[in-house]
PDB file of N, CA and C in Angstrom:
ATOM      1  N   UNK A   1      -0.553  11.339   5.218  1.00  0.00           N
ATOM      2  CA  UNK A   1      -1.129  10.206   5.900  1.00  0.00           C
ATOM      3  C   UNK A   1      -0.745  10.256   7.363  1.00  0.00           C
ATOM      4  N   UNK A   2      -1.630   9.897   8.189  1.00  0.00           N
ATOM      5  CA  UNK A   2      -1.390   9.916   9.609  1.00  0.00           C
ATOM      6  C   UNK A   2      -0.511   8.733   9.993  1.00  0.00           C
ATOM      7  N   UNK A   3       0.659   9.008  10.607  1.00  0.00           N
ATOM      8  CA  UNK A   3       1.576   7.916  10.927  1.00  0.00           C
ATOM      9  C   UNK A   3       1.030   7.027  12.023  1.00  0.00           C
ATOM     10  N   UNK A   4       0.036   7.505  12.765  1.00  0.00           N
ATOM     11  CA  UNK A   4      -0.562   6.688  13.819  1.00  0.00           C
ATOM     12  C   UNK A   4      -1.241   5.459  13.229  1.00  0.00           C
ATOM     13  N   UNK A   5      -1.798   5.581  12.018  1.00  0.00           N
ATOM     14  CA  UNK A   5      -2.441   4.437  11.377  1.00  0.00           C
ATOM     15  C   UNK A   5      -1.424   3.327  11.135  1.00  0.00           C
ATOM     16  N   UNK A   6      -0.240   3.680  10.691  1.00  0.00           N
ATOM     17  CA  UNK A   6       0.796   2.686  10.479  1.00  0.00           C
ATOM     18  C   UNK A   6       1.218   2.031  11.776  1.00  0.00           C
ATOM     19  N   UNK A   7       1.279   2.818  12.843  1.00  0.00           N
ATOM     20  CA  UNK A   7       1.643   2.258  14.139  1.00  0.00           C
ATOM     21  C   UNK A   7       0.583   1.288  14.630  1.00  0.00           C
ATOM     22  N   UNK A   8      -0.682   1.600  14.409  1.00  0.00           N
ATOM     23  CA  UNK A   8      -1.749   0.690  14.808  1.00  0.00           C
ATOM     24  C   UNK A   8      -1.634  -0.622  14.066  1.00  0.00           C
ATOM     25  N   UNK A   9      -1.286  -0.552  12.783  1.00  0.00           N
ATOM     26  CA  UNK A   9      -1.146  -1.762  11.987  1.00  0.00           C
ATOM     27  C   UNK A   9       0.010  -2.602  12.519  1.00  0.00           C
ATOM     28  N   UNK A  10       1.116  -1.953  12.830  1.00  0.00           N
ATOM     29  CA  UNK A  10       2.270  -2.695  13.330  1.00  0.00           C
ATOM     30  C   UNK A  10       1.939  -3.386  14.646  1.00  0.00           C
ATOM     31  N   UNK A  11       1.163  -2.741  15.494  1.00  0.00           N
ATOM     32  CA  UNK A  11       0.790  -3.362  16.765  1.00  0.00           C
ATOM     33  C   UNK A  11      -0.202  -4.494  16.556  1.00  0.00           C
ATOM     34  N   UNK A  12      -0.973  -4.452  15.476  1.00  0.00           N
ATOM     35  CA  UNK A  12      -1.983  -5.473  15.230  1.00  0.00           C
ATOM     36  C   UNK A  12      -1.367  -6.784  14.743  1.00  0.00           C
ATOM     37  N   UNK A  13      -0.188  -6.690  14.155  1.00  0.00           N
ATOM     38  CA  UNK A  13       0.451  -7.885  13.630  1.00  0.00           C
ATOM     39  C   UNK A  13       1.245  -8.585  14.729  1.00  0.00           C
ATOM     40  N   UNK A  14       1.196  -9.896  14.772  1.00  0.00           N
ATOM     41  CA  UNK A  14       1.948 -10.608  15.805  1.00  0.00           C
ATOM     42  C   UNK A  14       3.444 -10.420  15.597  1.00  0.00           C
ATOM     43  N   UNK A  15       4.170 -10.325  16.689  1.00  0.00           N
ATOM     44  CA  UNK A  15       5.614 -10.115  16.590  1.00  0.00           C
ATOM     45  C   UNK A  15       6.335 -11.442  16.816  1.00  0.00           C
ATOM     46  N   UNK A  16       6.279 -12.284  15.808  1.00  0.00           N
ATOM     47  CA  UNK A  16       6.970 -13.563  15.887  1.00  0.00           C
ATOM     48  C   UNK A  16       8.256 -13.458  15.096  1.00  0.00           C
ATOM     49  N   UNK A  17       9.313 -14.065  15.585  1.00  0.00           N
ATOM     50  CA  UNK A  17      10.582 -13.985  14.849  1.00  0.00           C
ATOM     51  C   UNK A  17      10.492 -14.749  13.538  1.00  0.00           C
ATOM     52  N   UNK A  18      11.259 -14.326  12.545  1.00  0.00           N
ATOM     53  CA  UNK A  18      11.235 -15.040  11.265  1.00  0.00           C
ATOM     54  C   UNK A  18      11.682 -16.487  11.467  1.00  0.00           C
ATOM     55  N   UNK A  19      11.104 -17.369  10.692  1.00  0.00           N
ATOM     56  CA  UNK A  19      11.420 -18.781  10.826  1.00  0.00           C
ATOM     57  C   UNK A  19      11.894 -19.341   9.498  1.00  0.00           C
ATOM     58  N   UNK A  20      12.835 -20.250   9.567  1.00  0.00           N
ATOM     59  CA  UNK A  20      13.318 -20.893   8.351  1.00  0.00           C
ATOM     60  C   UNK A  20      12.326 -21.924   7.843  1.00  0.00           C
ATOM     61  N   UNK A  21      11.303 -22.225   8.632  1.00  0.00           N
ATOM     62  CA  UNK A  21      10.319 -23.222   8.241  1.00  0.00           C
ATOM     63  C   UNK A  21       9.455 -22.740   7.084  1.00  0.00           C
ATOM     64  N   UNK A  22       9.313 -21.415   6.942  1.00  0.00           N
ATOM     65  CA  UNK A  22       8.521 -20.884   5.838  1.00  0.00           C
ATOM     66  C   UNK A  22       9.327 -21.004   4.556  1.00  0.00           C
ATOM     67  N   UNK A  23       8.761 -21.658   3.600  1.00  0.00           N
ATOM     68  CA  UNK A  23       9.442 -21.819   2.321  1.00  0.00           C
ATOM     69  C   UNK A  23       8.809 -20.943   1.269  1.00  0.00           C
ATOM     70  N   UNK A  24       9.092 -21.249   0.039  1.00  0.00           N
ATOM     71  CA  UNK A  24       8.533 -20.460  -1.050  1.00  0.00           C
ATOM     72  C   UNK A  24       7.063 -20.775  -1.273  1.00  0.00           C
ATOM     73  N   UNK A  25       6.573 -21.845  -0.688  1.00  0.00           N
ATOM     74  CA  UNK A  25       5.171 -22.222  -0.860  1.00  0.00           C
ATOM     75  C   UNK A  25       4.287 -21.741   0.284  1.00  0.00           C
ATOM     76  N   UNK A  26       4.771 -20.807   1.086  1.00  0.00           N
ATOM     77  CA  UNK A  26       3.979 -20.290   2.195  1.00  0.00           C
ATOM     78  C   UNK A  26       2.747 -19.582   1.643  1.00  0.00           C
ATOM     79  N   UNK A  27       1.583 -19.886   2.217  1.00  0.00           N
ATOM     80  CA  UNK A  27       0.330 -19.292   1.749  1.00  0.00           C
ATOM     81  C   UNK A  27      -0.462 -18.789   2.941  1.00  0.00           C
ATOM     82  N   UNK A  28      -1.274 -17.766   2.693  1.00  0.00           N
ATOM     83  CA  UNK A  28      -2.157 -17.222   3.717  1.00  0.00           C
ATOM     84  C   UNK A  28      -3.570 -17.717   3.459  1.00  0.00           C
ATOM     85  N   UNK A  29      -4.285 -17.972   4.539  1.00  0.00           N
ATOM     86  CA  UNK A  29      -5.680 -18.354   4.356  1.00  0.00           C
ATOM     87  C   UNK A  29      -6.473 -17.123   3.925  1.00  0.00           C
ATOM     88  N   UNK A  30      -7.676 -17.341   3.433  1.00  0.00           N
ATOM     89  CA  UNK A  30      -8.459 -16.243   2.860  1.00  0.00           C
ATOM     90  C   UNK A  30      -8.811 -15.177   3.889  1.00  0.00           C
ATOM     91  N   UNK A  31      -9.038 -15.565   5.137  1.00  0.00           N
ATOM     92  CA  UNK A  31      -9.374 -14.552   6.140  1.00  0.00           C
ATOM     93  C   UNK A  31      -8.166 -13.659   6.435  1.00  0.00           C
ATOM     94  N   UNK A  32      -6.962 -14.214   6.431  1.00  0.00           N
ATOM     95  CA  UNK A  32      -5.754 -13.408   6.634  1.00  0.00           C
ATOM     96  C   UNK A  32      -5.537 -12.475   5.451  1.00  0.00           C
ATOM     97  N   UNK A  33      -5.748 -12.981   4.238  1.00  0.00           N
ATOM     98  CA  UNK A  33      -5.613 -12.144   3.045  1.00  0.00           C
ATOM     99  C   UNK A  33      -6.603 -10.991   3.084  1.00  0.00           C
ATOM    100  N   UNK A  34      -7.830 -11.281   3.492  1.00  0.00           N
ATOM    101  CA  UNK A  34      -8.853 -10.234   3.569  1.00  0.00           C
ATOM    102  C   UNK A  34      -8.481  -9.187   4.610  1.00  0.00           C
ATOM    103  N   UNK A  35      -8.009  -9.632   5.763  1.00  0.00           N
ATOM    104  CA  UNK A  35      -7.629  -8.701   6.828  1.00  0.00           C
ATOM    105  C   UNK A  35      -6.491  -7.793   6.371  1.00  0.00           C
ATOM    106  N   UNK A  36      -5.485  -8.372   5.719  1.00  0.00           N
ATOM    107  CA  UNK A  36      -4.364  -7.576   5.216  1.00  0.00           C
ATOM    108  C   UNK A  36      -4.850  -6.593   4.153  1.00  0.00           C
ATOM    109  N   UNK A  37      -5.699  -7.059   3.251  1.00  0.00           N
ATOM    110  CA  UNK A  37      -6.245  -6.173   2.220  1.00  0.00           C
ATOM    111  C   UNK A  37      -7.041  -5.029   2.809  1.00  0.00           C
ATOM    112  N   UNK A  38      -7.867  -5.321   3.812  1.00  0.00           N
ATOM    113  CA  UNK A  38      -8.655  -4.274   4.475  1.00  0.00           C
ATOM    114  C   UNK A  38      -7.745  -3.252   5.139  1.00  0.00           C
ATOM    115  N   UNK A  39      -6.691  -3.731   5.794  1.00  0.00           N
ATOM    116  CA  UNK A  39      -5.771  -2.819   6.476  1.00  0.00           C
ATOM    117  C   UNK A  39      -5.007  -1.962   5.483  1.00  0.00           C
ATOM    118  N   UNK A  40      -4.589  -2.549   4.362  1.00  0.00           N
ATOM    119  CA  UNK A  40      -3.896  -1.760   3.341  1.00  0.00           C
ATOM    120  C   UNK A  40      -4.817  -0.713   2.736  1.00  0.00           C
ATOM    121  N   UNK A  41      -6.065  -1.104   2.452  1.00  0.00           N
ATOM    122  CA  UNK A  41      -7.028  -0.131   1.915  1.00  0.00           C
ATOM    123  C   UNK A  41      -7.228   1.016   2.895  1.00  0.00           C
ATOM    124  N   UNK A  42      -7.357   0.710   4.180  1.00  0.00           N
ATOM    125  CA  UNK A  42      -7.550   1.755   5.186  1.00  0.00           C
ATOM    126  C   UNK A  42      -6.349   2.692   5.246  1.00  0.00           C
ATOM    127  N   UNK A  43      -5.153   2.129   5.121  1.00  0.00           N
ATOM    128  CA  UNK A  43      -3.947   2.960   5.180  1.00  0.00           C
ATOM    129  C   UNK A  43      -3.832   3.889   3.979  1.00  0.00           C
ATOM    130  N   UNK A  44      -4.165   3.378   2.803  1.00  0.00           N
ATOM    131  CA  UNK A  44      -3.954   4.149   1.590  1.00  0.00           C
ATOM    132  C   UNK A  44      -5.182   4.927   1.129  1.00  0.00           C
ATOM    133  N   UNK A  45      -6.324   4.731   1.754  1.00  0.00           N
ATOM    134  CA  UNK A  45      -7.539   5.431   1.349  1.00  0.00           C
ATOM    135  C   UNK A  45      -7.365   6.940   1.449  1.00  0.00           C
ATOM    136  N   UNK A  46      -6.800   7.391   2.551  1.00  0.00           N
ATOM    137  CA  UNK A  46      -6.591   8.827   2.740  1.00  0.00           C
ATOM    138  C   UNK A  46      -5.663   9.385   1.664  1.00  0.00           C
ATOM    139  N   UNK A  47      -4.622   8.657   1.340  1.00  0.00           N
ATOM    140  CA  UNK A  47      -3.683   9.092   0.310  1.00  0.00           C
ATOM    141  C   UNK A  47      -4.359   9.186  -1.047  1.00  0.00           C
ATOM    142  N   UNK A  48      -5.196   8.212  -1.368  1.00  0.00           N
ATOM    143  CA  UNK A  48      -5.854   8.186  -2.668  1.00  0.00           C
ATOM    144  C   UNK A  48      -6.895   9.295  -2.826  1.00  0.00           C
ATOM    145  N   UNK A  49      -7.367   9.850  -1.729  1.00  0.00           N
ATOM    146  CA  UNK A  49      -8.350  10.925  -1.786  1.00  0.00           C
ATOM    147  C   UNK A  49      -7.707  12.282  -2.048  1.00  0.00           C
ATOM    148  N   UNK A  50      -6.393  12.368  -1.909  1.00  0.00           N
ATOM    149  CA  UNK A  50      -5.709  13.641  -2.106  1.00  0.00           C
ATOM    150  C   UNK A  50      -5.569  13.931  -3.594  1.00  0.00           C
ATOM    151  N   UNK A  51      -5.648  15.205  -3.966  1.00  0.00           N
ATOM    152  CA  UNK A  51      -5.519  15.555  -5.386  1.00  0.00           C
ATOM    153  C   UNK A  51      -4.084  15.352  -5.880  1.00  0.00           C
ATOM    154  N   UNK A  52      -3.957  15.153  -7.187  1.00  0.00           N
ATOM    155  CA  UNK A  52      -2.639  15.008  -7.806  1.00  0.00           C
ATOM    156  C   UNK A  52      -1.992  16.390  -7.848  1.00  0.00           C
ATOM    157  N   UNK A  53      -0.741  16.510  -7.384  1.00  0.00           N
ATOM    158  CA  UNK A  53      -0.065  17.819  -7.418  1.00  0.00           C
ATOM    159  C   UNK A  53       0.048  18.351  -8.850  1.00  0.00           C
ATOM    160  N   UNK A  54      -0.037  19.666  -8.982  1.00  0.00           N
ATOM    161  CA  UNK A  54       0.018  20.311 -10.301  1.00  0.00           C
ATOM    162  C   UNK A  54       1.289  19.945 -11.064  1.00  0.00           C
ATOM    163  N   UNK A  55       2.416  19.851 -10.377  1.00  0.00           N
ATOM    164  CA  UNK A  55       3.665  19.546 -11.101  1.00  0.00           C
ATOM    165  C   UNK A  55       3.623  18.146 -11.702  1.00  0.00           C
ATOM    166  N   UNK A  56       2.917  17.194 -11.040  1.00  0.00           N
ATOM    167  CA  UNK A  56       2.769  15.863 -11.625  1.00  0.00           C
ATOM    168  C   UNK A  56       1.869  15.920 -12.857  1.00  0.00           C
ATOM    169  N   UNK A  57       0.813  16.713 -12.773  1.00  0.00           N
ATOM    170  CA  UNK A  57      -0.066  16.876 -13.934  1.00  0.00           C
ATOM    171  C   UNK A  57       0.709  17.462 -15.109  1.00  0.00           C
ATOM    172  N   UNK A  58       1.553  18.454 -14.811  1.00  0.00           N
ATOM    173  CA  UNK A  58       2.362  19.075 -15.862  1.00  0.00           C
ATOM    174  C   UNK A  58       3.303  18.057 -16.500  1.00  0.00           C
ATOM    175  N   UNK A  59       3.948  17.226 -15.676  1.00  0.00           N
ATOM    176  CA  UNK A  59       4.847  16.206 -16.212  1.00  0.00           C
ATOM    177  C   UNK A  59       4.096  15.192 -17.077  1.00  0.00           C
ATOM    178  N   UNK A  60       2.914  14.800 -16.635  1.00  0.00           N
ATOM    179  CA  UNK A  60       2.108  13.863 -17.423  1.00  0.00           C
ATOM    180  C   UNK A  60       1.686  14.489 -18.747  1.00  0.00           C
ATOM    181  N   UNK A  61       1.330  15.774 -18.720  1.00  0.00           N
ATOM    182  CA  UNK A  61       0.978  16.474 -19.956  1.00  0.00           C
ATOM    183  C   UNK A  61       2.165  16.504 -20.915  1.00  0.00           C
ATOM    184  N   UNK A  62       3.364  16.752 -20.388  1.00  0.00           N
ATOM    185  CA  UNK A  62       4.568  16.775 -21.225  1.00  0.00           C
ATOM    186  C   UNK A  62       4.809  15.405 -21.859  1.00  0.00           C
ATOM    187  N   UNK A  63       4.623  14.351 -21.098  1.00  0.00           N
ATOM    188  CA  UNK A  63       4.796  13.004 -21.645  1.00  0.00           C
ATOM    189  C   UNK A  63       3.774  12.712 -22.744  1.00  0.00           C
ATOM    190  N   UNK A  64       2.545  13.122 -22.528  1.00  0.00           N
ATOM    191  CA  UNK A  64       1.511  12.909 -23.543  1.00  0.00           C
ATOM    192  C   UNK A  64       1.870  13.652 -24.831  1.00  0.00           C
ATOM    193  N   UNK A  65       2.364  14.873 -24.703  1.00  0.00           N
ATOM    194  CA  UNK A  65       2.739  15.661 -25.887  1.00  0.00           C
ATOM    195  C   UNK A  65       3.881  14.999 -26.643  1.00  0.00           C
ATOM    196  N   UNK A  66       4.831  14.400 -25.919  1.00  0.00           N
ATOM    197  CA  UNK A  66       5.965  13.723 -26.577  1.00  0.00           C
ATOM    198  C   UNK A  66       5.479  12.492 -27.340  1.00  0.00           C
ATOM    199  N   UNK A  67       4.525  11.779 -26.760  1.00  0.00           N
ATOM    200  CA  UNK A  67       3.986  10.594 -27.426  1.00  0.00           C
ATOM    201  C   UNK A  67       3.226  10.971 -28.688  1.00  0.00           C
ATOM    202  N   UNK A  68       2.468  12.048 -28.630  1.00  0.00           N
ATOM    203  CA  UNK A  68       1.683  12.482 -29.772  1.00  0.00           C
ATOM    204  C   UNK A  68       2.546  13.045 -30.878  1.00  0.00           C
ATOM    205  N   UNK A  69       3.634  13.714 -30.500  1.00  0.00           N
ATOM    206  CA  UNK A  69       4.441  14.431 -31.495  1.00  0.00           C
ATOM    207  C   UNK A  69       5.596  13.723 -32.023  1.00  0.00           C
TER     208      UNK A  69
END
């Protein structure tokens, strides 16, 4: 993944200091949720397009064989 994409995301977010005013009931409006979701999809889209490494496939095959046997 290109690290520049992560840097762009960090610059896009406001740099406000953490506040004690936010409690456990803090909620985001739907437009903020959508924007965050879009940015996460953009960041991980490239990763999801990459093939699964052969060693991971081999490990998954081994697990399947253990479950069956």
